[in-house]
Amino acid sequence: MSWDDARAYVRWLSRRTGRRYRLLSEAECEYVARAGTETARYWGAPTDGRAWHSGECERHALRGGSWVNYPGLLRSASRGWLRTDTRASSIGFRVVRTIN
């Protein structure tokens, strides 16, 4: 699974169901993983929760670790980077549906 694959799946799911689906933002992923707590972000993101809109757009953040990681990386604050077209069996994603 790659970031590009996940984006394609969300587009397909939205067309198939007629409902709007999207991938969670990095901030939403962390908020969900932390069960709604509002701890400080250690990597220095804007304090108002806005996403960064500059930098290397060919890469995307990975959060939370996976079955192949050491136990110390299996936490919500775990963060890594990969190109958007990189595929690996250890990469997953979460989908959210927009409700009007």
PDB file of N, CA and C in Angstrom:
ATOM      1  N   MET A   1       0.841  -1.167   0.000  1.00  0.00           N
ATOM      2  CA  MET A   1       0.000   0.000   0.000  1.00  0.00           C
ATOM      3  C   MET A   1       0.894   1.240   0.000  1.00  0.00           C
ATOM      4  N   SER A   2       0.567   2.203  -0.799  1.00  0.00           N
ATOM      5  CA  SER A   2       1.276   3.480  -0.807  1.00  0.00           C
ATOM      6  C   SER A   2       0.268   4.599  -0.554  1.00  0.00           C
ATOM      7  N   TRP A   3       0.777   5.800  -0.299  1.00  0.00           N
ATOM      8  CA  TRP A   3      -0.092   6.970  -0.122  1.00  0.00           C
ATOM      9  C   TRP A   3      -0.907   7.202  -1.393  1.00  0.00           C
ATOM     10  N   ASP A   4      -0.270   7.065  -2.547  1.00  0.00           N
ATOM     11  CA  ASP A   4      -0.984   7.230  -3.809  1.00  0.00           C
ATOM     12  C   ASP A   4      -2.082   6.182  -3.956  1.00  0.00           C
ATOM     13  N   ASP A   5      -1.815   4.924  -3.562  1.00  0.00           N
ATOM     14  CA  ASP A   5      -2.830   3.862  -3.601  1.00  0.00           C
ATOM     15  C   ASP A   5      -4.011   4.210  -2.694  1.00  0.00           C
ATOM     16  N   ALA A   6      -3.714   4.700  -1.499  1.00  0.00           N
ATOM     17  CA  ALA A   6      -4.771   5.052  -0.545  1.00  0.00           C
ATOM     18  C   ALA A   6      -5.642   6.182  -1.089  1.00  0.00           C
ATOM     19  N   ARG A   7      -5.031   7.166  -1.706  1.00  0.00           N
ATOM     20  CA  ARG A   7      -5.796   8.267  -2.299  1.00  0.00           C
ATOM     21  C   ARG A   7      -6.681   7.761  -3.437  1.00  0.00           C
ATOM     22  N   ALA A   8      -6.158   6.856  -4.245  1.00  0.00           N
ATOM     23  CA  ALA A   8      -6.953   6.275  -5.334  1.00  0.00           C
ATOM     24  C   ALA A   8      -8.126   5.481  -4.775  1.00  0.00           C
ATOM     25  N   TYR A   9      -7.908   4.740  -3.699  1.00  0.00           N
ATOM     26  CA  TYR A   9      -8.982   3.970  -3.079  1.00  0.00           C
ATOM     27  C   TYR A   9     -10.095   4.890  -2.573  1.00  0.00           C
ATOM     28  N   VAL A  10      -9.738   5.987  -1.923  1.00  0.00           N
ATOM     29  CA  VAL A  10     -10.738   6.915  -1.399  1.00  0.00           C
ATOM     30  C   VAL A  10     -11.553   7.528  -2.548  1.00  0.00           C
ATOM     31  N   ARG A  11     -10.899   7.868  -3.645  1.00  0.00           N
ATOM     32  CA  ARG A  11     -11.629   8.386  -4.814  1.00  0.00           C
ATOM     33  C   ARG A  11     -12.607   7.337  -5.336  1.00  0.00           C
ATOM     34  N   TRP A  12     -12.124   6.085  -5.453  1.00  0.00           N
ATOM     35  CA  TRP A  12     -12.974   4.993  -5.920  1.00  0.00           C
ATOM     36  C   TRP A  12     -14.155   4.779  -4.974  1.00  0.00           C
ATOM     37  N   LEU A  13     -13.895   4.739  -3.668  1.00  0.00           N
ATOM     38  CA  LEU A  13     -14.948   4.521  -2.677  1.00  0.00           C
ATOM     39  C   LEU A  13     -16.002   5.620  -2.736  1.00  0.00           C
ATOM     40  N   SER A  14     -15.567   6.854  -2.896  1.00  0.00           N
ATOM     41  CA  SER A  14     -16.501   7.979  -2.993  1.00  0.00           C
ATOM     42  C   SER A  14     -17.387   7.854  -4.226  1.00  0.00           C
ATOM     43  N   ARG A  15     -16.791   7.500  -5.362  1.00  0.00           N
ATOM     44  CA  ARG A  15     -17.581   7.304  -6.589  1.00  0.00           C
ATOM     45  C   ARG A  15     -18.547   6.134  -6.441  1.00  0.00           C
ATOM     46  N   ARG A  16     -18.066   5.056  -5.880  1.00  0.00           N
ATOM     47  CA  ARG A  16     -18.857   3.827  -5.754  1.00  0.00           C
ATOM     48  C   ARG A  16     -20.069   4.007  -4.840  1.00  0.00           C
ATOM     49  N   THR A  17     -19.898   4.725  -3.738  1.00  0.00           N
ATOM     50  CA  THR A  17     -20.965   4.878  -2.753  1.00  0.00           C
ATOM     51  C   THR A  17     -21.788   6.149  -2.930  1.00  0.00           C
ATOM     52  N   GLY A  18     -21.238   7.126  -3.665  1.00  0.00           N
ATOM     53  CA  GLY A  18     -21.928   8.408  -3.794  1.00  0.00           C
ATOM     54  C   GLY A  18     -21.801   9.275  -2.554  1.00  0.00           C
ATOM     55  N   ARG A  19     -20.924   8.904  -1.651  1.00  0.00           N
ATOM     56  CA  ARG A  19     -20.668   9.660  -0.425  1.00  0.00           C
ATOM     57  C   ARG A  19     -19.227  10.125  -0.432  1.00  0.00           C
ATOM     58  N   ARG A  20     -18.941  11.202   0.323  1.00  0.00           N
ATOM     59  CA  ARG A  20     -17.587  11.762   0.311  1.00  0.00           C
ATOM     60  C   ARG A  20     -16.722  11.108   1.385  1.00  0.00           C
ATOM     61  N   TYR A  21     -15.649  10.464   0.951  1.00  0.00           N
ATOM     62  CA  TYR A  21     -14.656   9.872   1.838  1.00  0.00           C
ATOM     63  C   TYR A  21     -13.329  10.571   1.608  1.00  0.00           C
ATOM     64  N   ARG A  22     -12.477  10.568   2.636  1.00  0.00           N
ATOM     65  CA  ARG A  22     -11.153  11.167   2.522  1.00  0.00           C
ATOM     66  C   ARG A  22     -10.226  10.475   3.507  1.00  0.00           C
ATOM     67  N   LEU A  23      -8.936  10.724   3.345  1.00  0.00           N
ATOM     68  CA  LEU A  23      -7.942  10.240   4.297  1.00  0.00           C
ATOM     69  C   LEU A  23      -7.832  11.243   5.432  1.00  0.00           C
ATOM     70  N   LEU A  24      -7.531  10.763   6.609  1.00  0.00           N
ATOM     71  CA  LEU A  24      -7.342  11.659   7.739  1.00  0.00           C
ATOM     72  C   LEU A  24      -6.074  12.472   7.555  1.00  0.00           C
ATOM     73  N   SER A  25      -6.083  13.696   8.058  1.00  0.00           N
ATOM     74  CA  SER A  25      -4.860  14.487   8.080  1.00  0.00           C
ATOM     75  C   SER A  25      -3.932  13.906   9.142  1.00  0.00           C
ATOM     76  N   GLU A  26      -2.690  14.323   9.122  1.00  0.00           N
ATOM     77  CA  GLU A  26      -1.743  13.845  10.128  1.00  0.00           C
ATOM     78  C   GLU A  26      -2.209  14.238  11.533  1.00  0.00           C
ATOM     79  N   ALA A  27      -2.713  15.464  11.673  1.00  0.00           N
ATOM     80  CA  ALA A  27      -3.195  15.931  12.974  1.00  0.00           C
ATOM     81  C   ALA A  27      -4.392  15.111  13.436  1.00  0.00           C
ATOM     82  N   GLU A  28      -5.304  14.768  12.528  1.00  0.00           N
ATOM     83  CA  GLU A  28      -6.461  13.943  12.898  1.00  0.00           C
ATOM     84  C   GLU A  28      -6.032  12.543  13.317  1.00  0.00           C
ATOM     85  N   CYS A  29      -5.069  11.972  12.604  1.00  0.00           N
ATOM     86  CA  CYS A  29      -4.569  10.643  12.976  1.00  0.00           C
ATOM     87  C   CYS A  29      -4.010  10.645  14.390  1.00  0.00           C
ATOM     88  N   GLU A  30      -3.215  11.654  14.711  1.00  0.00           N
ATOM     89  CA  GLU A  30      -2.638  11.712  16.051  1.00  0.00           C
ATOM     90  C   GLU A  30      -3.717  11.937  17.102  1.00  0.00           C
ATOM     91  N   TYR A  31      -4.677  12.803  16.819  1.00  0.00           N
ATOM     92  CA  TYR A  31      -5.760  13.084  17.772  1.00  0.00           C
ATOM     93  C   TYR A  31      -6.540  11.809  18.080  1.00  0.00           C
ATOM     94  N   VAL A  32      -6.865  11.042  17.043  1.00  0.00           N
ATOM     95  CA  VAL A  32      -7.583   9.778  17.233  1.00  0.00           C
ATOM     96  C   VAL A  32      -6.729   8.793  18.026  1.00  0.00           C
ATOM     97  N   ALA A  33      -5.459   8.671  17.663  1.00  0.00           N
ATOM     98  CA  ALA A  33      -4.574   7.726  18.343  1.00  0.00           C
ATOM     99  C   ALA A  33      -4.366   8.096  19.806  1.00  0.00           C
ATOM    100  N   ARG A  34      -4.431   9.371  20.116  1.00  0.00           N
ATOM    101  CA  ARG A  34      -4.258   9.821  21.503  1.00  0.00           C
ATOM    102  C   ARG A  34      -5.579   9.880  22.255  1.00  0.00           C
ATOM    103  N   ALA A  35      -6.634   9.347  21.643  1.00  0.00           N
ATOM    104  CA  ALA A  35      -7.959   9.274  22.271  1.00  0.00           C
ATOM    105  C   ALA A  35      -8.479  10.649  22.690  1.00  0.00           C
ATOM    106  N   GLY A  36      -8.226  11.649  21.846  1.00  0.00           N
ATOM    107  CA  GLY A  36      -8.770  12.970  22.091  1.00  0.00           C
ATOM    108  C   GLY A  36      -7.976  13.863  23.020  1.00  0.00           C
ATOM    109  N   THR A  37      -6.856  13.397  23.531  1.00  0.00           N
ATOM    110  CA  THR A  37      -6.064  14.269  24.395  1.00  0.00           C
ATOM    111  C   THR A  37      -5.371  15.327  23.556  1.00  0.00           C
ATOM    112  N   GLU A  38      -4.978  16.413  24.159  1.00  0.00           N
ATOM    113  CA  GLU A  38      -4.358  17.512  23.428  1.00  0.00           C
ATOM    114  C   GLU A  38      -2.956  17.789  23.963  1.00  0.00           C
ATOM    115  N   THR A  39      -2.061  16.850  23.748  1.00  0.00           N
ATOM    116  CA  THR A  39      -0.684  17.035  24.187  1.00  0.00           C
ATOM    117  C   THR A  39       0.089  17.847  23.156  1.00  0.00           C
ATOM    118  N   ALA A  40       1.192  18.426  23.581  1.00  0.00           N
ATOM    119  CA  ALA A  40       2.013  19.229  22.669  1.00  0.00           C
ATOM    120  C   ALA A  40       2.596  18.364  21.575  1.00  0.00           C
ATOM    121  N   ARG A  41       2.729  18.923  20.404  1.00  0.00           N
ATOM    122  CA  ARG A  41       3.322  18.196  19.288  1.00  0.00           C
ATOM    123  C   ARG A  41       4.827  18.408  19.316  1.00  0.00           C
ATOM    124  N   TYR A  42       5.563  17.332  19.415  1.00  0.00           N
ATOM    125  CA  TYR A  42       7.002  17.420  19.625  1.00  0.00           C
ATOM    126  C   TYR A  42       7.774  17.855  18.388  1.00  0.00           C
ATOM    127  N   TRP A  43       7.187  17.799  17.196  1.00  0.00           N
ATOM    128  CA  TRP A  43       7.958  18.112  15.990  1.00  0.00           C
ATOM    129  C   TRP A  43       7.835  19.575  15.584  1.00  0.00           C
ATOM    130  N   GLY A  44       7.081  20.394  16.319  1.00  0.00           N
ATOM    131  CA  GLY A  44       7.059  21.831  16.076  1.00  0.00           C
ATOM    132  C   GLY A  44       6.050  22.315  15.069  1.00  0.00           C
ATOM    133  N   ALA A  45       4.942  21.592  14.885  1.00  0.00           N
ATOM    134  CA  ALA A  45       3.895  22.049  13.971  1.00  0.00           C
ATOM    135  C   ALA A  45       3.244  23.314  14.525  1.00  0.00           C
ATOM    136  N   PRO A  46       2.540  24.063  13.667  1.00  0.00           N
ATOM    137  CA  PRO A  46       1.857  25.251  14.181  1.00  0.00           C
ATOM    138  C   PRO A  46       0.965  24.890  15.372  1.00  0.00           C
ATOM    139  N   THR A  47       0.936  25.725  16.365  1.00  0.00           N
ATOM    140  CA  THR A  47       0.204  25.398  17.595  1.00  0.00           C
ATOM    141  C   THR A  47      -1.301  25.471  17.427  1.00  0.00           C
ATOM    142  N   ASP A  48      -1.785  26.058  16.340  1.00  0.00           N
ATOM    143  CA  ASP A  48      -3.230  26.127  16.141  1.00  0.00           C
ATOM    144  C   ASP A  48      -3.774  24.917  15.387  1.00  0.00           C
ATOM    145  N   GLY A  49      -2.963  23.912  15.123  1.00  0.00           N
ATOM    146  CA  GLY A  49      -3.410  22.680  14.490  1.00  0.00           C
ATOM    147  C   GLY A  49      -3.394  22.688  12.972  1.00  0.00           C
ATOM    148  N   ARG A  50      -2.973  23.786  12.358  1.00  0.00           N
ATOM    149  CA  ARG A  50      -2.921  23.841  10.896  1.00  0.00           C
ATOM    150  C   ARG A  50      -1.841  22.911  10.355  1.00  0.00           C
ATOM    151  N   ALA A  51      -2.081  22.411   9.163  1.00  0.00           N
ATOM    152  CA  ALA A  51      -1.096  21.557   8.500  1.00  0.00           C
ATOM    153  C   ALA A  51      -0.029  22.417   7.851  1.00  0.00           C
ATOM    154  N   TRP A  52       1.148  21.830   7.644  1.00  0.00           N
ATOM    155  CA  TRP A  52       2.191  22.503   6.881  1.00  0.00           C
ATOM    156  C   TRP A  52       1.823  22.432   5.402  1.00  0.00           C
ATOM    157  N   HIS A  53       2.051  23.511   4.679  1.00  0.00           N
ATOM    158  CA  HIS A  53       1.733  23.554   3.254  1.00  0.00           C
ATOM    159  C   HIS A  53       2.961  23.824   2.402  1.00  0.00           C
ATOM    160  N   SER A  54       4.127  23.568   2.937  1.00  0.00           N
ATOM    161  CA  SER A  54       5.353  23.753   2.183  1.00  0.00           C
ATOM    162  C   SER A  54       6.297  22.606   2.494  1.00  0.00           C
ATOM    163  N   GLY A  55       7.375  22.525   1.745  1.00  0.00           N
ATOM    164  CA  GLY A  55       8.334  21.452   1.978  1.00  0.00           C
ATOM    165  C   GLY A  55       8.269  20.425   0.871  1.00  0.00           C
ATOM    166  N   GLU A  56       8.710  19.211   1.169  1.00  0.00           N
ATOM    167  CA  GLU A  56       8.761  18.149   0.175  1.00  0.00           C
ATOM    168  C   GLU A  56       7.414  17.466   0.029  1.00  0.00           C
ATOM    169  N   CYS A  57       6.673  17.803  -1.007  1.00  0.00           N
ATOM    170  CA  CYS A  57       5.351  17.218  -1.224  1.00  0.00           C
ATOM    171  C   CYS A  57       5.420  15.815  -1.823  1.00  0.00           C
ATOM    172  N   GLU A  58       6.622  15.371  -2.214  1.00  0.00           N
ATOM    173  CA  GLU A  58       6.771  14.009  -2.732  1.00  0.00           C
ATOM    174  C   GLU A  58       6.798  12.991  -1.606  1.00  0.00           C
ATOM    175  N   ARG A  59       6.932  13.473  -0.364  1.00  0.00           N
ATOM    176  CA  ARG A  59       6.976  12.573   0.786  1.00  0.00           C
ATOM    177  C   ARG A  59       5.754  12.803   1.659  1.00  0.00           C
ATOM    178  N   HIS A  60       5.373  11.756   2.392  1.00  0.00           N
ATOM    179  CA  HIS A  60       4.228  11.856   3.285  1.00  0.00           C
ATOM    180  C   HIS A  60       4.585  11.224   4.621  1.00  0.00           C
ATOM    181  N   ALA A  61       4.022  11.773   5.675  1.00  0.00           N
ATOM    182  CA  ALA A  61       4.309  11.267   7.021  1.00  0.00           C
ATOM    183  C   ALA A  61       3.607   9.945   7.276  1.00  0.00           C
ATOM    184  N   LEU A  62       4.278   9.070   7.994  1.00  0.00           N
ATOM    185  CA  LEU A  62       3.701   7.820   8.489  1.00  0.00           C
ATOM    186  C   LEU A  62       3.625   7.934   9.996  1.00  0.00           C
ATOM    187  N   ARG A  63       2.529   7.485  10.589  1.00  0.00           N
ATOM    188  CA  ARG A  63       2.356   7.629  12.023  1.00  0.00           C
ATOM    189  C   ARG A  63       2.065   6.284  12.682  1.00  0.00           C
ATOM    190  N   GLY A  64       2.552   6.111  13.898  1.00  0.00           N
ATOM    191  CA  GLY A  64       2.123   5.038  14.770  1.00  0.00           C
ATOM    192  C   GLY A  64       2.837   3.710  14.722  1.00  0.00           C
ATOM    193  N   GLY A  65       3.705   3.465  13.782  1.00  0.00           N
ATOM    194  CA  GLY A  65       4.395   2.186  13.733  1.00  0.00           C
ATOM    195  C   GLY A  65       3.523   1.079  13.159  1.00  0.00           C
ATOM    196  N   SER A  66       4.100  -0.104  13.008  1.00  0.00           N
ATOM    197  CA  SER A  66       3.370  -1.250  12.456  1.00  0.00           C
ATOM    198  C   SER A  66       3.943  -2.543  13.029  1.00  0.00           C
ATOM    199  N   TRP A  67       3.467  -3.648  12.512  1.00  0.00           N
ATOM    200  CA  TRP A  67       3.865  -4.961  13.013  1.00  0.00           C
ATOM    201  C   TRP A  67       5.347  -5.249  12.816  1.00  0.00           C
ATOM    202  N   VAL A  68       6.035  -4.525  11.959  1.00  0.00           N
ATOM    203  CA  VAL A  68       7.455  -4.780  11.718  1.00  0.00           C
ATOM    204  C   VAL A  68       8.370  -3.916  12.575  1.00  0.00           C
ATOM    205  N   ASN A  69       7.823  -2.971  13.328  1.00  0.00           N
ATOM    206  CA  ASN A  69       8.636  -2.044  14.113  1.00  0.00           C
ATOM    207  C   ASN A  69       8.987  -2.586  15.487  1.00  0.00           C
ATOM    208  N   TYR A  70      10.060  -2.030  16.046  1.00  0.00           N
ATOM    209  CA  TYR A  70      10.422  -2.331  17.424  1.00  0.00           C
ATOM    210  C   TYR A  70       9.360  -1.748  18.357  1.00  0.00           C
ATOM    211  N   PRO A  71       9.166  -2.331  19.534  1.00  0.00           N
ATOM    212  CA  PRO A  71       8.132  -1.849  20.452  1.00  0.00           C
ATOM    213  C   PRO A  71       8.186  -0.350  20.748  1.00  0.00           C
ATOM    214  N   GLY A  72       9.368   0.235  20.790  1.00  0.00           N
ATOM    215  CA  GLY A  72       9.478   1.662  21.070  1.00  0.00           C
ATOM    216  C   GLY A  72       8.847   2.549  20.014  1.00  0.00           C
ATOM    217  N   LEU A  73       8.623   2.021  18.824  1.00  0.00           N
ATOM    218  CA  LEU A  73       8.005   2.800  17.750  1.00  0.00           C
ATOM    219  C   LEU A  73       6.499   2.599  17.662  1.00  0.00           C
ATOM    220  N   LEU A  74       5.950   1.731  18.484  1.00  0.00           N
ATOM    221  CA  LEU A  74       4.517   1.434  18.446  1.00  0.00           C
ATOM    222  C   LEU A  74       3.760   2.396  19.356  1.00  0.00           C
ATOM    223  N   ARG A  75       3.751   3.648  18.962  1.00  0.00           N
ATOM    224  CA  ARG A  75       3.059   4.675  19.738  1.00  0.00           C
ATOM    225  C   ARG A  75       2.606   5.783  18.801  1.00  0.00           C
ATOM    226  N   SER A  76       1.649   6.574  19.240  1.00  0.00           N
ATOM    227  CA  SER A  76       1.083   7.602  18.365  1.00  0.00           C
ATOM    228  C   SER A  76       2.100   8.655  17.951  1.00  0.00           C
ATOM    229  N   ALA A  77       3.104   8.911  18.759  1.00  0.00           N
ATOM    230  CA  ALA A  77       4.101   9.928  18.443  1.00  0.00           C
ATOM    231  C   ALA A  77       5.159   9.434  17.465  1.00  0.00           C
ATOM    232  N   SER A  78       5.165   8.153  17.140  1.00  0.00           N
ATOM    233  CA  SER A  78       6.124   7.623  16.176  1.00  0.00           C
ATOM    234  C   SER A  78       5.845   8.242  14.815  1.00  0.00           C
ATOM    235  N   ARG A  79       6.901   8.729  14.162  1.00  0.00           N
ATOM    236  CA  ARG A  79       6.722   9.443  12.899  1.00  0.00           C
ATOM    237  C   ARG A  79       7.855   9.114  11.941  1.00  0.00           C
ATOM    238  N   GLY A  80       7.482   8.824  10.700  1.00  0.00           N
ATOM    239  CA  GLY A  80       8.469   8.561   9.662  1.00  0.00           C
ATOM    240  C   GLY A  80       8.010   9.180   8.360  1.00  0.00           C
ATOM    241  N   TRP A  81       8.858   9.094   7.339  1.00  0.00           N
ATOM    242  CA  TRP A  81       8.552   9.689   6.038  1.00  0.00           C
ATOM    243  C   TRP A  81       8.848   8.712   4.924  1.00  0.00           C
ATOM    244  N   LEU A  82       7.993   8.699   3.908  1.00  0.00           N
ATOM    245  CA  LEU A  82       8.225   7.928   2.689  1.00  0.00           C
ATOM    246  C   LEU A  82       7.722   8.717   1.491  1.00  0.00           C
ATOM    247  N   ARG A  83       8.270   8.403   0.324  1.00  0.00           N
ATOM    248  CA  ARG A  83       7.722   8.984  -0.904  1.00  0.00           C
ATOM    249  C   ARG A  83       6.282   8.509  -1.062  1.00  0.00           C
ATOM    250  N   THR A  84       5.441   9.295  -1.724  1.00  0.00           N
ATOM    251  CA  THR A  84       4.021   8.939  -1.849  1.00  0.00           C
ATOM    252  C   THR A  84       3.782   7.702  -2.704  1.00  0.00           C
ATOM    253  N   ASP A  85       4.766   7.310  -3.530  1.00  0.00           N
ATOM    254  CA  ASP A  85       4.593   6.129  -4.376  1.00  0.00           C
ATOM    255  C   ASP A  85       5.269   4.877  -3.814  1.00  0.00           C
ATOM    256  N   THR A  86       5.818   4.948  -2.596  1.00  0.00           N
ATOM    257  CA  THR A  86       6.470   3.797  -1.971  1.00  0.00           C
ATOM    258  C   THR A  86       5.410   2.844  -1.432  1.00  0.00           C
ATOM    259  N   ARG A  87       5.532   1.566  -1.789  1.00  0.00           N
ATOM    260  CA  ARG A  87       4.590   0.546  -1.307  1.00  0.00           C
ATOM    261  C   ARG A  87       5.288  -0.368  -0.315  1.00  0.00           C
ATOM    262  N   ALA A  88       4.543  -0.754   0.737  1.00  0.00           N
ATOM    263  CA  ALA A  88       5.063  -1.698   1.727  1.00  0.00           C
ATOM    264  C   ALA A  88       3.887  -2.377   2.418  1.00  0.00           C
ATOM    265  N   SER A  89       4.075  -3.631   2.798  1.00  0.00           N
ATOM    266  CA  SER A  89       2.999  -4.368   3.469  1.00  0.00           C
ATOM    267  C   SER A  89       2.754  -3.851   4.883  1.00  0.00           C
ATOM    268  N   SER A  90       3.648  -3.042   5.387  1.00  0.00           N
ATOM    269  CA  SER A  90       3.504  -2.514   6.747  1.00  0.00           C
ATOM    270  C   SER A  90       2.820  -1.147   6.788  1.00  0.00           C
ATOM    271  N   ILE A  91       2.382  -0.623   5.638  1.00  0.00           N
ATOM    272  CA  ILE A  91       1.734   0.686   5.579  1.00  0.00           C
ATOM    273  C   ILE A  91       0.231   0.500   5.490  1.00  0.00           C
ATOM    274  N   GLY A  92      -0.487   1.191   6.337  1.00  0.00           N
ATOM    275  CA  GLY A  92      -1.940   1.175   6.320  1.00  0.00           C
ATOM    276  C   GLY A  92      -2.474   2.587   6.304  1.00  0.00           C
ATOM    277  N   PHE A  93      -3.799   2.714   6.293  1.00  0.00           N
ATOM    278  CA  PHE A  93      -4.401   4.034   6.289  1.00  0.00           C
ATOM    279  C   PHE A  93      -5.785   3.975   6.917  1.00  0.00           C
ATOM    280  N   ARG A  94      -6.299   5.141   7.305  1.00  0.00           N
ATOM    281  CA  ARG A  94      -7.633   5.262   7.864  1.00  0.00           C
ATOM    282  C   ARG A  94      -8.457   6.160   6.952  1.00  0.00           C
ATOM    283  N   VAL A  95      -9.716   5.818   6.824  1.00  0.00           N
ATOM    284  CA  VAL A  95     -10.640   6.562   5.969  1.00  0.00           C
ATOM    285  C   VAL A  95     -11.711   7.180   6.858  1.00  0.00           C
ATOM    286  N   VAL A  96     -12.095   8.400   6.513  1.00  0.00           N
ATOM    287  CA  VAL A  96     -13.178   9.070   7.228  1.00  0.00           C
ATOM    288  C   VAL A  96     -14.226   9.491   6.199  1.00  0.00           C
ATOM    289  N   ARG A  97     -15.503   9.397   6.589  1.00  0.00           N
ATOM    290  CA  ARG A  97     -16.583   9.850   5.714  1.00  0.00           C
ATOM    291  C   ARG A  97     -17.097  11.178   6.196  1.00  0.00           C
ATOM    292  N   THR A  98     -17.254  12.114   5.292  1.00  0.00           N
ATOM    293  CA  THR A  98     -17.793  13.420   5.625  1.00  0.00           C
ATOM    294  C   THR A  98     -19.306  13.299   5.751  1.00  0.00           C
ATOM    295  N   ILE A  99     -19.846  13.744   6.872  1.00  0.00           N
ATOM    296  CA  ILE A  99     -21.285  13.703   7.104  1.00  0.00           C
ATOM    297  C   ILE A  99     -21.807  15.134   7.108  1.00  0.00           C
ATOM    298  N   ASN A 100     -22.781  15.374   6.256  1.00  0.00           N
ATOM    299  CA  ASN A 100     -23.352  16.733   6.171  1.00  0.00           C
ATOM    300  C   ASN A 100     -24.462  16.922   7.163  1.00  0.00           C
TER     301      ASN A 100
END
